[in-house]
Amino acid sequence: MSELRADTISASNGTGPVTLTKQSAAKVWAYRDVGTAATILGSFNVSSAVDEGVGDTDYNLTNAMSNIFGAFGNGNANSAARRGVFTDYELTSKIRTVTYDSSSSAVDDAVTFINCGDLA
C-alpha cells in the first residue's frame, strides 16, 4: 500500500502552487428501484426522492447546483423493453426523471442518472 503526502503541489515549470478544484465533475448520481415507491438503492448528493406519479420522480439534492445547465447521463434497468428516461432540473436543488415504455406511456421503472456541473 502506498501513501502520498504533500504540503504543496507546484507546476512543472516551478511556478507557485497549483490550484486543484472539483468543479465540472460528477456532483449527483442516483439509482432508483423499479416499482411505484421512489426507493433509492444508492446515491450521492441526493437527500430524498418523491414519487410524483407513474414514472415521474423528483430527487431533492443535499447540495444545490449553481445553475440548471449541467450535463446528464441516464438509463434504466429494463432496456429489453426499450424504455426511455427523461432527466432534467426542476430547480437547482431538484432533479426530475420520467420514464416511458415503447408505446410512449409513462411507466415506473428502475432509473440511474448522473449529473455533472458546478455546485452553488
PDB file of N, CA and C in Angstrom:
ATOM      1  N   MET A   1       0.845  -1.168   0.000  1.00  0.00           N
ATOM      2  CA  MET A   1       0.000   0.000   0.000  1.00  0.00           C
ATOM      3  C   MET A   1       0.887   1.226   0.000  1.00  0.00           C
ATOM      4  N   SER A   2       0.513   2.234  -0.814  1.00  0.00           N
ATOM      5  CA  SER A   2       1.276   3.473  -0.921  1.00  0.00           C
ATOM      6  C   SER A   2       0.471   4.633  -0.388  1.00  0.00           C
ATOM      7  N   GLU A   3       1.178   5.652   0.049  1.00  0.00           N
ATOM      8  CA  GLU A   3       0.531   6.859   0.525  1.00  0.00           C
ATOM      9  C   GLU A   3       1.309   8.044   0.015  1.00  0.00           C
ATOM     10  N   LEU A   4       0.597   9.053  -0.485  1.00  0.00           N
ATOM     11  CA  LEU A   4       1.225  10.265  -0.983  1.00  0.00           C
ATOM     12  C   LEU A   4       0.829  11.408  -0.070  1.00  0.00           C
ATOM     13  N   ARG A   5       1.832  12.101   0.455  1.00  0.00           N
ATOM     14  CA  ARG A   5       1.587  13.269   1.304  1.00  0.00           C
ATOM     15  C   ARG A   5       2.361  14.436   0.728  1.00  0.00           C
ATOM     16  N   ALA A   6       1.706  15.595   0.671  1.00  0.00           N
ATOM     17  CA  ALA A   6       2.370  16.779   0.131  1.00  0.00           C
ATOM     18  C   ALA A   6       1.790  18.024   0.793  1.00  0.00           C
ATOM     19  N   ASP A   7       2.654  19.012   1.014  1.00  0.00           N
ATOM     20  CA  ASP A   7       2.198  20.293   1.522  1.00  0.00           C
ATOM     21  C   ASP A   7       1.852  21.228   0.360  1.00  0.00           C
ATOM     22  N   THR A   8       2.609  21.113  -0.733  1.00  0.00           N
ATOM     23  CA  THR A   8       2.394  21.975  -1.894  1.00  0.00           C
ATOM     24  C   THR A   8       2.629  21.171  -3.162  1.00  0.00           C
ATOM     25  N   ILE A   9       1.760  21.372  -4.136  1.00  0.00           N
ATOM     26  CA  ILE A   9       1.964  20.799  -5.468  1.00  0.00           C
ATOM     27  C   ILE A   9       2.221  21.974  -6.390  1.00  0.00           C
ATOM     28  N   SER A  10       3.385  21.965  -7.094  1.00  0.00           N
ATOM     29  CA  SER A  10       3.766  23.062  -7.977  1.00  0.00           C
ATOM     30  C   SER A  10       3.703  22.618  -9.427  1.00  0.00           C
ATOM     31  N   ALA A  11       3.540  23.608 -10.327  1.00  0.00           N
ATOM     32  CA  ALA A  11       3.542  23.330 -11.762  1.00  0.00           C
ATOM     33  C   ALA A  11       4.934  22.852 -12.173  1.00  0.00           C
ATOM     34  N   SER A  12       5.011  22.127 -13.288  1.00  0.00           N
ATOM     35  CA  SER A  12       6.293  21.563 -13.730  1.00  0.00           C
ATOM     36  C   SER A  12       7.317  22.644 -14.060  1.00  0.00           C
ATOM     37  N   ASN A  13       6.886  23.875 -14.362  1.00  0.00           N
ATOM     38  CA  ASN A  13       7.839  24.954 -14.649  1.00  0.00           C
ATOM     39  C   ASN A  13       8.317  25.652 -13.374  1.00  0.00           C
ATOM     40  N   GLY A  14       7.878  25.160 -12.201  1.00  0.00           N
ATOM     41  CA  GLY A  14       8.340  25.685 -10.933  1.00  0.00           C
ATOM     42  C   GLY A  14       7.546  26.860 -10.392  1.00  0.00           C
ATOM     43  N   THR A  15       6.520  27.271 -11.100  1.00  0.00           N
ATOM     44  CA  THR A  15       5.724  28.386 -10.605  1.00  0.00           C
ATOM     45  C   THR A  15       4.807  27.922  -9.494  1.00  0.00           C
ATOM     46  N   GLY A  16       4.472  28.838  -8.613  1.00  0.00           N
ATOM     47  CA  GLY A  16       3.620  28.659  -7.447  1.00  0.00           C
ATOM     48  C   GLY A  16       2.759  27.404  -7.363  1.00  0.00           C
ATOM     49  N   PRO A  17       2.012  27.298  -6.284  1.00  0.00           N
ATOM     50  CA  PRO A  17       1.187  26.111  -6.087  1.00  0.00           C
ATOM     51  C   PRO A  17       0.087  26.005  -7.138  1.00  0.00           C
ATOM     52  N   VAL A  18      -0.229  24.802  -7.499  1.00  0.00           N
ATOM     53  CA  VAL A  18      -1.300  24.520  -8.441  1.00  0.00           C
ATOM     54  C   VAL A  18      -2.610  24.472  -7.659  1.00  0.00           C
ATOM     55  N   THR A  19      -3.606  25.169  -8.152  1.00  0.00           N
ATOM     56  CA  THR A  19      -4.913  25.160  -7.516  1.00  0.00           C
ATOM     57  C   THR A  19      -5.699  23.974  -8.051  1.00  0.00           C
ATOM     58  N   LEU A  20      -6.097  23.099  -7.164  1.00  0.00           N
ATOM     59  CA  LEU A  20      -6.883  21.938  -7.564  1.00  0.00           C
ATOM     60  C   LEU A  20      -8.342  22.215  -7.230  1.00  0.00           C
ATOM     61  N   THR A  21      -9.211  21.991  -8.191  1.00  0.00           N
ATOM     62  CA  THR A  21     -10.638  22.200  -7.961  1.00  0.00           C
ATOM     63  C   THR A  21     -11.409  20.951  -8.340  1.00  0.00           C
ATOM     64  N   LYS A  22     -12.638  20.895  -7.886  1.00  0.00           N
ATOM     65  CA  LYS A  22     -13.512  19.773  -8.218  1.00  0.00           C
ATOM     66  C   LYS A  22     -14.697  20.263  -9.034  1.00  0.00           C
ATOM     67  N   GLN A  23     -14.587  21.421  -9.662  1.00  0.00           N
ATOM     68  CA  GLN A  23     -15.673  21.952 -10.463  1.00  0.00           C
ATOM     69  C   GLN A  23     -15.842  21.132 -11.736  1.00  0.00           C
ATOM     70  N   SER A  24     -17.051  21.136 -12.272  1.00  0.00           N
ATOM     71  CA  SER A  24     -17.426  20.448 -13.511  1.00  0.00           C
ATOM     72  C   SER A  24     -17.176  18.945 -13.445  1.00  0.00           C
ATOM     73  N   ALA A  25     -17.238  18.382 -12.287  1.00  0.00           N
ATOM     74  CA  ALA A  25     -17.134  16.937 -12.109  1.00  0.00           C
ATOM     75  C   ALA A  25     -18.519  16.406 -11.743  1.00  0.00           C
ATOM     76  N   ALA A  26     -18.653  15.092 -11.681  1.00  0.00           N
ATOM     77  CA  ALA A  26     -19.942  14.495 -11.298  1.00  0.00           C
ATOM     78  C   ALA A  26     -20.307  14.964  -9.895  1.00  0.00           C
ATOM     79  N   LYS A  27     -21.469  15.594  -9.779  1.00  0.00           N
ATOM     80  CA  LYS A  27     -21.903  16.128  -8.499  1.00  0.00           C
ATOM     81  C   LYS A  27     -23.118  15.406  -7.939  1.00  0.00           C
ATOM     82  N   VAL A  28     -23.828  14.642  -8.786  1.00  0.00           N
ATOM     83  CA  VAL A  28     -25.030  13.943  -8.350  1.00  0.00           C
ATOM     84  C   VAL A  28     -25.128  12.627  -9.106  1.00  0.00           C
ATOM     85  N   TRP A  29     -25.503  11.562  -8.398  1.00  0.00           N
ATOM     86  CA  TRP A  29     -25.910  10.328  -9.070  1.00  0.00           C
ATOM     87  C   TRP A  29     -26.915   9.617  -8.185  1.00  0.00           C
ATOM     88  N   ALA A  30     -27.750   8.812  -8.827  1.00  0.00           N
ATOM     89  CA  ALA A  30     -28.741   8.054  -8.062  1.00  0.00           C
ATOM     90  C   ALA A  30     -29.174   6.825  -8.839  1.00  0.00           C
ATOM     91  N   TYR A  31     -29.614   5.817  -8.095  1.00  0.00           N
ATOM     92  CA  TYR A  31     -30.211   4.606  -8.648  1.00  0.00           C
ATOM     93  C   TYR A  31     -31.544   4.411  -7.951  1.00  0.00           C
ATOM     94  N   ARG A  32     -32.630   4.552  -8.716  1.00  0.00           N
ATOM     95  CA  ARG A  32     -33.986   4.390  -8.192  1.00  0.00           C
ATOM     96  C   ARG A  32     -34.466   2.999  -8.557  1.00  0.00           C
ATOM     97  N   ASP A  33     -35.022   2.301  -7.577  1.00  0.00           N
ATOM     98  CA  ASP A  33     -35.510   0.940  -7.785  1.00  0.00           C
ATOM     99  C   ASP A  33     -36.787   0.951  -8.617  1.00  0.00           C
ATOM    100  N   VAL A  34     -37.065  -0.171  -9.271  1.00  0.00           N
ATOM    101  CA  VAL A  34     -38.302  -0.339 -10.022  1.00  0.00           C
ATOM    102  C   VAL A  34     -39.472  -0.407  -9.047  1.00  0.00           C
ATOM    103  N   GLY A  35     -40.646   0.038  -9.461  1.00  0.00           N
ATOM    104  CA  GLY A  35     -41.829  -0.020  -8.605  1.00  0.00           C
ATOM    105  C   GLY A  35     -42.438   1.339  -8.376  1.00  0.00           C
ATOM    106  N   THR A  36     -43.555   1.352  -7.698  1.00  0.00           N
ATOM    107  CA  THR A  36     -44.292   2.600  -7.509  1.00  0.00           C
ATOM    108  C   THR A  36     -43.712   3.492  -6.422  1.00  0.00           C
ATOM    109  N   ALA A  37     -42.981   2.946  -5.465  1.00  0.00           N
ATOM    110  CA  ALA A  37     -42.355   3.767  -4.422  1.00  0.00           C
ATOM    111  C   ALA A  37     -41.021   4.297  -4.940  1.00  0.00           C
ATOM    112  N   ALA A  38     -40.704   5.529  -4.611  1.00  0.00           N
ATOM    113  CA  ALA A  38     -39.444   6.138  -5.044  1.00  0.00           C
ATOM    114  C   ALA A  38     -38.328   5.692  -4.108  1.00  0.00           C
ATOM    115  N   THR A  39     -37.906   4.441  -4.234  1.00  0.00           N
ATOM    116  CA  THR A  39     -36.886   3.862  -3.365  1.00  0.00           C
ATOM    117  C   THR A  39     -35.506   4.028  -3.994  1.00  0.00           C
ATOM    118  N   ILE A  40     -34.617   4.709  -3.299  1.00  0.00           N
ATOM    119  CA  ILE A  40     -33.255   4.911  -3.784  1.00  0.00           C
ATOM    120  C   ILE A  40     -32.368   3.793  -3.243  1.00  0.00           C
ATOM    121  N   LEU A  41     -31.702   3.080  -4.141  1.00  0.00           N
ATOM    122  CA  LEU A  41     -30.806   1.997  -3.738  1.00  0.00           C
ATOM    123  C   LEU A  41     -29.379   2.491  -3.523  1.00  0.00           C
ATOM    124  N   GLY A  42     -29.031   3.598  -4.138  1.00  0.00           N
ATOM    125  CA  GLY A  42     -27.711   4.185  -3.974  1.00  0.00           C
ATOM    126  C   GLY A  42     -27.731   5.595  -4.522  1.00  0.00           C
ATOM    127  N   SER A  43     -26.925   6.487  -3.933  1.00  0.00           N
ATOM    128  CA  SER A  43     -26.921   7.859  -4.428  1.00  0.00           C
ATOM    129  C   SER A  43     -25.740   8.636  -3.874  1.00  0.00           C
ATOM    130  N   PHE A  44     -25.500   9.784  -4.484  1.00  0.00           N
ATOM    131  CA  PHE A  44     -24.547  10.767  -3.998  1.00  0.00           C
ATOM    132  C   PHE A  44     -25.180  12.137  -4.173  1.00  0.00           C
ATOM    133  N   ASN A  45     -25.212  12.943  -3.149  1.00  0.00           N
ATOM    134  CA  ASN A  45     -25.775  14.287  -3.131  1.00  0.00           C
ATOM    135  C   ASN A  45     -27.289  14.293  -3.364  1.00  0.00           C
ATOM    136  N   VAL A  46     -27.979  13.217  -3.006  1.00  0.00           N
ATOM    137  CA  VAL A  46     -29.437  13.160  -3.065  1.00  0.00           C
ATOM    138  C   VAL A  46     -29.942  12.914  -1.649  1.00  0.00           C
ATOM    139  N   SER A  47     -30.779  13.836  -1.143  1.00  0.00           N
ATOM    140  CA  SER A  47     -31.277  13.702   0.226  1.00  0.00           C
ATOM    141  C   SER A  47     -32.557  12.879   0.290  1.00  0.00           C
ATOM    142  N   SER A  48     -33.378  12.928  -0.769  1.00  0.00           N
ATOM    143  CA  SER A  48     -34.628  12.168  -0.783  1.00  0.00           C
ATOM    144  C   SER A  48     -35.189  12.119  -2.194  1.00  0.00           C
ATOM    145  N   ALA A  49     -36.124  11.201  -2.392  1.00  0.00           N
ATOM    146  CA  ALA A  49     -36.824  11.088  -3.671  1.00  0.00           C
ATOM    147  C   ALA A  49     -38.321  11.105  -3.392  1.00  0.00           C
ATOM    148  N   VAL A  50     -39.071  11.722  -4.290  1.00  0.00           N
ATOM    149  CA  VAL A  50     -40.516  11.845  -4.126  1.00  0.00           C
ATOM    150  C   VAL A  50     -41.192  11.286  -5.380  1.00  0.00           C
ATOM    151  N   ASP A  51     -42.113  10.333  -5.180  1.00  0.00           N
ATOM    152  CA  ASP A  51     -42.888   9.779  -6.280  1.00  0.00           C
ATOM    153  C   ASP A  51     -43.957  10.798  -6.658  1.00  0.00           C
ATOM    154  N   GLU A  52     -43.868  11.352  -7.861  1.00  0.00           N
ATOM    155  CA  GLU A  52     -44.809  12.383  -8.312  1.00  0.00           C
ATOM    156  C   GLU A  52     -45.903  11.812  -9.216  1.00  0.00           C
ATOM    157  N   GLY A  53     -45.920  10.507  -9.409  1.00  0.00           N
ATOM    158  CA  GLY A  53     -46.907   9.877 -10.289  1.00  0.00           C
ATOM    159  C   GLY A  53     -46.241   8.749 -11.056  1.00  0.00           C
ATOM    160  N   VAL A  54     -46.987   8.093 -11.915  1.00  0.00           N
ATOM    161  CA  VAL A  54     -46.456   6.957 -12.669  1.00  0.00           C
ATOM    162  C   VAL A  54     -45.247   7.402 -13.488  1.00  0.00           C
ATOM    163  N   GLY A  55     -44.100   6.785 -13.235  1.00  0.00           N
ATOM    164  CA  GLY A  55     -42.880   7.057 -13.971  1.00  0.00           C
ATOM    165  C   GLY A  55     -42.227   8.392 -13.702  1.00  0.00           C
ATOM    166  N   ASP A  56     -42.716   9.164 -12.756  1.00  0.00           N
ATOM    167  CA  ASP A  56     -42.271  10.535 -12.517  1.00  0.00           C
ATOM    168  C   ASP A  56     -41.701  10.639 -11.102  1.00  0.00           C
ATOM    169  N   THR A  57     -40.414  10.947 -10.975  1.00  0.00           N
ATOM    170  CA  THR A  57     -39.753  11.032  -9.670  1.00  0.00           C
ATOM    171  C   THR A  57     -38.956  12.317  -9.558  1.00  0.00           C
ATOM    172  N   ASP A  58     -39.070  13.000  -8.430  1.00  0.00           N
ATOM    173  CA  ASP A  58     -38.235  14.155  -8.104  1.00  0.00           C
ATOM    174  C   ASP A  58     -37.171  13.723  -7.112  1.00  0.00           C
ATOM    175  N   TYR A  59     -35.946  14.213  -7.309  1.00  0.00           N
ATOM    176  CA  TYR A  59     -34.822  13.927  -6.418  1.00  0.00           C
ATOM    177  C   TYR A  59     -34.376  15.251  -5.798  1.00  0.00           C
ATOM    178  N   ASN A  60     -34.482  15.369  -4.485  1.00  0.00           N
ATOM    179  CA  ASN A  60     -34.039  16.560  -3.771  1.00  0.00           C
ATOM    180  C   ASN A  60     -32.548  16.443  -3.495  1.00  0.00           C
ATOM    181  N   LEU A  61     -31.809  17.486  -3.839  1.00  0.00           N
ATOM    182  CA  LEU A  61     -30.358  17.459  -3.687  1.00  0.00           C
ATOM    183  C   LEU A  61     -29.940  17.924  -2.299  1.00  0.00           C
ATOM    184  N   THR A  62     -28.928  17.301  -1.761  1.00  0.00           N
ATOM    185  CA  THR A  62     -28.350  17.706  -0.481  1.00  0.00           C
ATOM    186  C   THR A  62     -27.682  19.066  -0.630  1.00  0.00           C
ATOM    187  N   ASN A  63     -26.898  19.231  -1.702  1.00  0.00           N
ATOM    188  CA  ASN A  63     -26.226  20.491  -2.013  1.00  0.00           C
ATOM    189  C   ASN A  63     -26.688  20.938  -3.395  1.00  0.00           C
ATOM    190  N   ALA A  64     -27.213  22.150  -3.490  1.00  0.00           N
ATOM    191  CA  ALA A  64     -27.751  22.656  -4.751  1.00  0.00           C
ATOM    192  C   ALA A  64     -26.648  22.904  -5.781  1.00  0.00           C
ATOM    193  N   MET A  65     -27.041  22.882  -7.037  1.00  0.00           N
ATOM    194  CA  MET A  65     -26.143  23.215  -8.132  1.00  0.00           C
ATOM    195  C   MET A  65     -26.132  24.739  -8.297  1.00  0.00           C
ATOM    196  N   SER A  66     -25.111  25.288  -8.944  1.00  0.00           N
ATOM    197  CA  SER A  66     -25.025  26.742  -9.126  1.00  0.00           C
ATOM    198  C   SER A  66     -25.962  27.243 -10.216  1.00  0.00           C
ATOM    199  N   ASN A  67     -26.357  26.369 -11.135  1.00  0.00           N
ATOM    200  CA  ASN A  67     -27.298  26.742 -12.192  1.00  0.00           C
ATOM    201  C   ASN A  67     -27.950  25.466 -12.731  1.00  0.00           C
ATOM    202  N   ILE A  68     -28.816  25.598 -13.723  1.00  0.00           N
ATOM    203  CA  ILE A  68     -29.533  24.434 -14.257  1.00  0.00           C
ATOM    204  C   ILE A  68     -28.970  23.988 -15.605  1.00  0.00           C
ATOM    205  N   PHE A  69     -27.677  24.212 -15.837  1.00  0.00           N
ATOM    206  CA  PHE A  69     -27.076  23.911 -17.125  1.00  0.00           C
ATOM    207  C   PHE A  69     -26.053  22.783 -17.072  1.00  0.00           C
ATOM    208  N   GLY A  70     -26.224  21.825 -16.156  1.00  0.00           N
ATOM    209  CA  GLY A  70     -25.327  20.686 -16.073  1.00  0.00           C
ATOM    210  C   GLY A  70     -25.650  19.656 -17.146  1.00  0.00           C
ATOM    211  N   ALA A  71     -24.783  18.685 -17.289  1.00  0.00           N
ATOM    212  CA  ALA A  71     -24.972  17.617 -18.270  1.00  0.00           C
ATOM    213  C   ALA A  71     -25.420  16.341 -17.569  1.00  0.00           C
ATOM    214  N   PHE A  72     -26.378  15.639 -18.165  1.00  0.00           N
ATOM    215  CA  PHE A  72     -26.912  14.409 -17.598  1.00  0.00           C
ATOM    216  C   PHE A  72     -26.540  13.202 -18.449  1.00  0.00           C
ATOM    217  N   GLY A  73     -26.384  12.087 -17.776  1.00  0.00           N
ATOM    218  CA  GLY A  73     -26.352  10.777 -18.402  1.00  0.00           C
ATOM    219  C   GLY A  73     -27.368   9.945 -17.646  1.00  0.00           C
ATOM    220  N   ASN A  74     -28.149   9.138 -18.334  1.00  0.00           N
ATOM    221  CA  ASN A  74     -29.147   8.338 -17.631  1.00  0.00           C
ATOM    222  C   ASN A  74     -29.428   7.039 -18.365  1.00  0.00           C
ATOM    223  N   GLY A  75     -30.140   6.173 -17.676  1.00  0.00           N
ATOM    224  CA  GLY A  75     -30.523   4.894 -18.258  1.00  0.00           C
ATOM    225  C   GLY A  75     -31.514   4.217 -17.340  1.00  0.00           C
ATOM    226  N   ASN A  76     -31.913   3.011 -17.732  1.00  0.00           N
ATOM    227  CA  ASN A  76     -32.781   2.233 -16.859  1.00  0.00           C
ATOM    228  C   ASN A  76     -32.388   0.775 -16.925  1.00  0.00           C
ATOM    229  N   ALA A  77     -32.925  -0.001 -16.005  1.00  0.00           N
ATOM    230  CA  ALA A  77     -32.541  -1.402 -15.879  1.00  0.00           C
ATOM    231  C   ALA A  77     -33.378  -2.309 -16.766  1.00  0.00           C
ATOM    232  N   ASN A  78     -34.273  -1.753 -17.569  1.00  0.00           N
ATOM    233  CA  ASN A  78     -35.167  -2.569 -18.369  1.00  0.00           C
ATOM    234  C   ASN A  78     -35.034  -2.219 -19.849  1.00  0.00           C
ATOM    235  N   SER A  79     -33.808  -2.194 -20.353  1.00  0.00           N
ATOM    236  CA  SER A  79     -33.581  -1.800 -21.739  1.00  0.00           C
ATOM    237  C   SER A  79     -34.198  -2.790 -22.723  1.00  0.00           C
ATOM    238  N   ALA A  80     -34.446  -4.024 -22.307  1.00  0.00           N
ATOM    239  CA  ALA A  80     -35.071  -5.005 -23.200  1.00  0.00           C
ATOM    240  C   ALA A  80     -36.473  -4.562 -23.598  1.00  0.00           C
ATOM    241  N   ALA A  81     -37.131  -3.763 -22.765  1.00  0.00           N
ATOM    242  CA  ALA A  81     -38.468  -3.265 -23.066  1.00  0.00           C
ATOM    243  C   ALA A  81     -38.397  -1.932 -23.823  1.00  0.00           C
ATOM    244  N   ARG A  82     -37.178  -1.509 -24.184  1.00  0.00           N
ATOM    245  CA  ARG A  82     -36.957  -0.277 -24.937  1.00  0.00           C
ATOM    246  C   ARG A  82     -37.631   0.930 -24.276  1.00  0.00           C
ATOM    247  N   ARG A  83     -37.365   1.078 -23.015  1.00  0.00           N
ATOM    248  CA  ARG A  83     -37.942   2.187 -22.261  1.00  0.00           C
ATOM    249  C   ARG A  83     -37.001   3.377 -22.296  1.00  0.00           C
ATOM    250  N   GLY A  84     -37.565   4.581 -22.272  1.00  0.00           N
ATOM    251  CA  GLY A  84     -36.781   5.803 -22.306  1.00  0.00           C
ATOM    252  C   GLY A  84     -36.832   6.520 -20.980  1.00  0.00           C
ATOM    253  N   VAL A  85     -35.804   7.324 -20.717  1.00  0.00           N
ATOM    254  CA  VAL A  85     -35.721   8.109 -19.488  1.00  0.00           C
ATOM    255  C   VAL A  85     -35.471   9.564 -19.870  1.00  0.00           C
ATOM    256  N   PHE A  86     -36.264  10.456 -19.323  1.00  0.00           N
ATOM    257  CA  PHE A  86     -36.083  11.890 -19.474  1.00  0.00           C
ATOM    258  C   PHE A  86     -35.573  12.414 -18.138  1.00  0.00           C
ATOM    259  N   THR A  87     -34.489  13.187 -18.153  1.00  0.00           N
ATOM    260  CA  THR A  87     -33.917  13.742 -16.926  1.00  0.00           C
ATOM    261  C   THR A  87     -33.690  15.232 -17.116  1.00  0.00           C
ATOM    262  N   ASP A  88     -34.081  16.040 -16.129  1.00  0.00           N
ATOM    263  CA  ASP A  88     -33.922  17.480 -16.232  1.00  0.00           C
ATOM    264  C   ASP A  88     -33.985  18.100 -14.840  1.00  0.00           C
ATOM    265  N   TYR A  89     -33.604  19.368 -14.749  1.00  0.00           N
ATOM    266  CA  TYR A  89     -33.719  20.103 -13.492  1.00  0.00           C
ATOM    267  C   TYR A  89     -35.143  20.600 -13.300  1.00  0.00           C
ATOM    268  N   GLU A  90     -35.648  20.498 -12.077  1.00  0.00           N
ATOM    269  CA  GLU A  90     -36.861  21.202 -11.680  1.00  0.00           C
ATOM    270  C   GLU A  90     -36.431  22.553 -11.106  1.00  0.00           C
ATOM    271  N   LEU A  91     -35.385  22.536 -10.311  1.00  0.00           N
ATOM    272  CA  LEU A  91     -34.763  23.703  -9.683  1.00  0.00           C
ATOM    273  C   LEU A  91     -33.277  23.381  -9.561  1.00  0.00           C
ATOM    274  N   THR A  92     -32.469  24.311  -9.091  1.00  0.00           N
ATOM    275  CA  THR A  92     -31.061  23.990  -8.865  1.00  0.00           C
ATOM    276  C   THR A  92     -30.903  22.980  -7.730  1.00  0.00           C
ATOM    277  N   SER A  93     -31.966  22.798  -6.935  1.00  0.00           N
ATOM    278  CA  SER A  93     -31.924  21.867  -5.809  1.00  0.00           C
ATOM    279  C   SER A  93     -32.780  20.615  -6.038  1.00  0.00           C
ATOM    280  N   LYS A  94     -33.283  20.445  -7.268  1.00  0.00           N
ATOM    281  CA  LYS A  94     -34.169  19.302  -7.525  1.00  0.00           C
ATOM    282  C   LYS A  94     -34.028  18.822  -8.969  1.00  0.00           C
ATOM    283  N   ILE A  95     -33.873  17.498  -9.130  1.00  0.00           N
ATOM    284  CA  ILE A  95     -33.785  16.868 -10.445  1.00  0.00           C
ATOM    285  C   ILE A  95     -34.991  15.959 -10.628  1.00  0.00           C
ATOM    286  N   ARG A  96     -35.508  15.914 -11.838  1.00  0.00           N
ATOM    287  CA  ARG A  96     -36.691  15.107 -12.153  1.00  0.00           C
ATOM    288  C   ARG A  96     -36.352  14.075 -13.219  1.00  0.00           C
ATOM    289  N   THR A  97     -36.848  12.847 -13.023  1.00  0.00           N
ATOM    290  CA  THR A  97     -36.762  11.828 -14.070  1.00  0.00           C
ATOM    291  C   THR A  97     -38.170  11.345 -14.401  1.00  0.00           C
ATOM    292  N   VAL A  98     -38.399  11.051 -15.676  1.00  0.00           N
ATOM    293  CA  VAL A  98     -39.658  10.488 -16.144  1.00  0.00           C
ATOM    294  C   VAL A  98     -39.314   9.326 -17.072  1.00  0.00           C
ATOM    295  N   THR A  99     -39.963   8.171 -16.867  1.00  0.00           N
ATOM    296  CA  THR A  99     -39.690   7.001 -17.702  1.00  0.00           C
ATOM    297  C   THR A  99     -40.917   6.639 -18.534  1.00  0.00           C
ATOM    298  N   TYR A 100     -40.625   6.191 -19.755  1.00  0.00           N
ATOM    299  CA  TYR A 100     -41.664   5.823 -20.708  1.00  0.00           C
ATOM    300  C   TYR A 100     -41.400   4.429 -21.268  1.00  0.00           C
ATOM    301  N   ASP A 101     -42.475   3.714 -21.651  1.00  0.00           N
ATOM    302  CA  ASP A 101     -42.293   2.427 -22.312  1.00  0.00           C
ATOM    303  C   ASP A 101     -42.267   2.640 -23.829  1.00  0.00           C
ATOM    304  N   SER A 102     -42.177   1.544 -24.580  1.00  0.00           N
ATOM    305  CA  SER A 102     -42.029   1.639 -26.033  1.00  0.00           C
ATOM    306  C   SER A 102     -43.253   2.217 -26.732  1.00  0.00           C
ATOM    307  N   SER A 103     -44.388   2.301 -26.054  1.00  0.00           N
ATOM    308  CA  SER A 103     -45.575   2.916 -26.653  1.00  0.00           C
ATOM    309  C   SER A 103     -45.781   4.340 -26.134  1.00  0.00           C
ATOM    310  N   SER A 104     -44.744   4.928 -25.560  1.00  0.00           N
ATOM    311  CA  SER A 104     -44.751   6.305 -25.046  1.00  0.00           C
ATOM    312  C   SER A 104     -45.683   6.521 -23.864  1.00  0.00           C
ATOM    313  N   SER A 105     -45.981   5.464 -23.119  1.00  0.00           N
ATOM    314  CA  SER A 105     -46.775   5.585 -21.901  1.00  0.00           C
ATOM    315  C   SER A 105     -45.840   5.667 -20.695  1.00  0.00           C
ATOM    316  N   ALA A 106     -46.188   6.521 -19.726  1.00  0.00           N
ATOM    317  CA  ALA A 106     -45.385   6.610 -18.507  1.00  0.00           C
ATOM    318  C   ALA A 106     -45.428   5.278 -17.778  1.00  0.00           C
ATOM    319  N   VAL A 107     -44.276   4.863 -17.220  1.00  0.00           N
ATOM    320  CA  VAL A 107     -44.189   3.581 -16.531  1.00  0.00           C
ATOM    321  C   VAL A 107     -43.161   3.689 -15.399  1.00  0.00           C
ATOM    322  N   ASP A 108     -43.444   3.073 -14.252  1.00  0.00           N
ATOM    323  CA  ASP A 108     -42.476   3.028 -13.159  1.00  0.00           C
ATOM    324  C   ASP A 108     -41.392   2.029 -13.510  1.00  0.00           C
ATOM    325  N   ASP A 109     -40.153   2.450 -13.466  1.00  0.00           N
ATOM    326  CA  ASP A 109     -39.041   1.588 -13.823  1.00  0.00           C
ATOM    327  C   ASP A 109     -37.803   1.995 -13.029  1.00  0.00           C
ATOM    328  N   ALA A 110     -36.839   1.108 -12.976  1.00  0.00           N
ATOM    329  CA  ALA A 110     -35.568   1.429 -12.339  1.00  0.00           C
ATOM    330  C   ALA A 110     -34.850   2.480 -13.186  1.00  0.00           C
ATOM    331  N   VAL A 111     -34.284   3.488 -12.528  1.00  0.00           N
ATOM    332  CA  VAL A 111     -33.634   4.592 -13.217  1.00  0.00           C
ATOM    333  C   VAL A 111     -32.261   4.845 -12.604  1.00  0.00           C
ATOM    334  N   THR A 112     -31.298   5.109 -13.457  1.00  0.00           N
ATOM    335  CA  THR A 112     -29.994   5.596 -12.995  1.00  0.00           C
ATOM    336  C   THR A 112     -29.720   6.905 -13.707  1.00  0.00           C
ATOM    337  N   PHE A 113     -29.086   7.841 -12.999  1.00  0.00           N
ATOM    338  CA  PHE A 113     -28.649   9.072 -13.667  1.00  0.00           C
ATOM    339  C   PHE A 113     -27.432   9.621 -12.958  1.00  0.00           C
ATOM    340  N   ILE A 114     -26.701  10.419 -13.710  1.00  0.00           N
ATOM    341  CA  ILE A 114     -25.535  11.129 -13.194  1.00  0.00           C
ATOM    342  C   ILE A 114     -25.594  12.544 -13.748  1.00  0.00           C
ATOM    343  N   ASN A 115     -25.162  13.511 -12.959  1.00  0.00           N
ATOM    344  CA  ASN A 115     -25.169  14.902 -13.385  1.00  0.00           C
ATOM    345  C   ASN A 115     -23.811  15.523 -13.131  1.00  0.00           C
ATOM    346  N   CYS A 116     -23.294  16.203 -14.120  1.00  0.00           N
ATOM    347  CA  CYS A 116     -22.035  16.931 -13.981  1.00  0.00           C
ATOM    348  C   CYS A 116     -22.316  18.428 -14.091  1.00  0.00           C
ATOM    349  N   GLY A 117     -21.693  19.196 -13.247  1.00  0.00           N
ATOM    350  CA  GLY A 117     -21.876  20.638 -13.240  1.00  0.00           C
ATOM    351  C   GLY A 117     -21.171  21.212 -12.031  1.00  0.00           C
ATOM    352  N   ASP A 118     -21.531  22.428 -11.671  1.00  0.00           N
ATOM    353  CA  ASP A 118     -20.886  23.122 -10.564  1.00  0.00           C
ATOM    354  C   ASP A 118     -21.860  23.286  -9.398  1.00  0.00           C
ATOM    355  N   LEU A 119     -21.379  23.049  -8.202  1.00  0.00           N
ATOM    356  CA  LEU A 119     -22.190  23.271  -7.013  1.00  0.00           C
ATOM    357  C   LEU A 119     -22.285  24.759  -6.708  1.00  0.00           C
ATOM    358  N   ALA A 120     -23.373  25.130  -6.048  1.00  0.00           N
ATOM    359  CA  ALA A 120     -23.578  26.539  -5.685  1.00  0.00           C
ATOM    360  C   ALA A 120     -22.549  26.989  -4.675  1.00  0.00           C
TER     361      ALA A 120
END
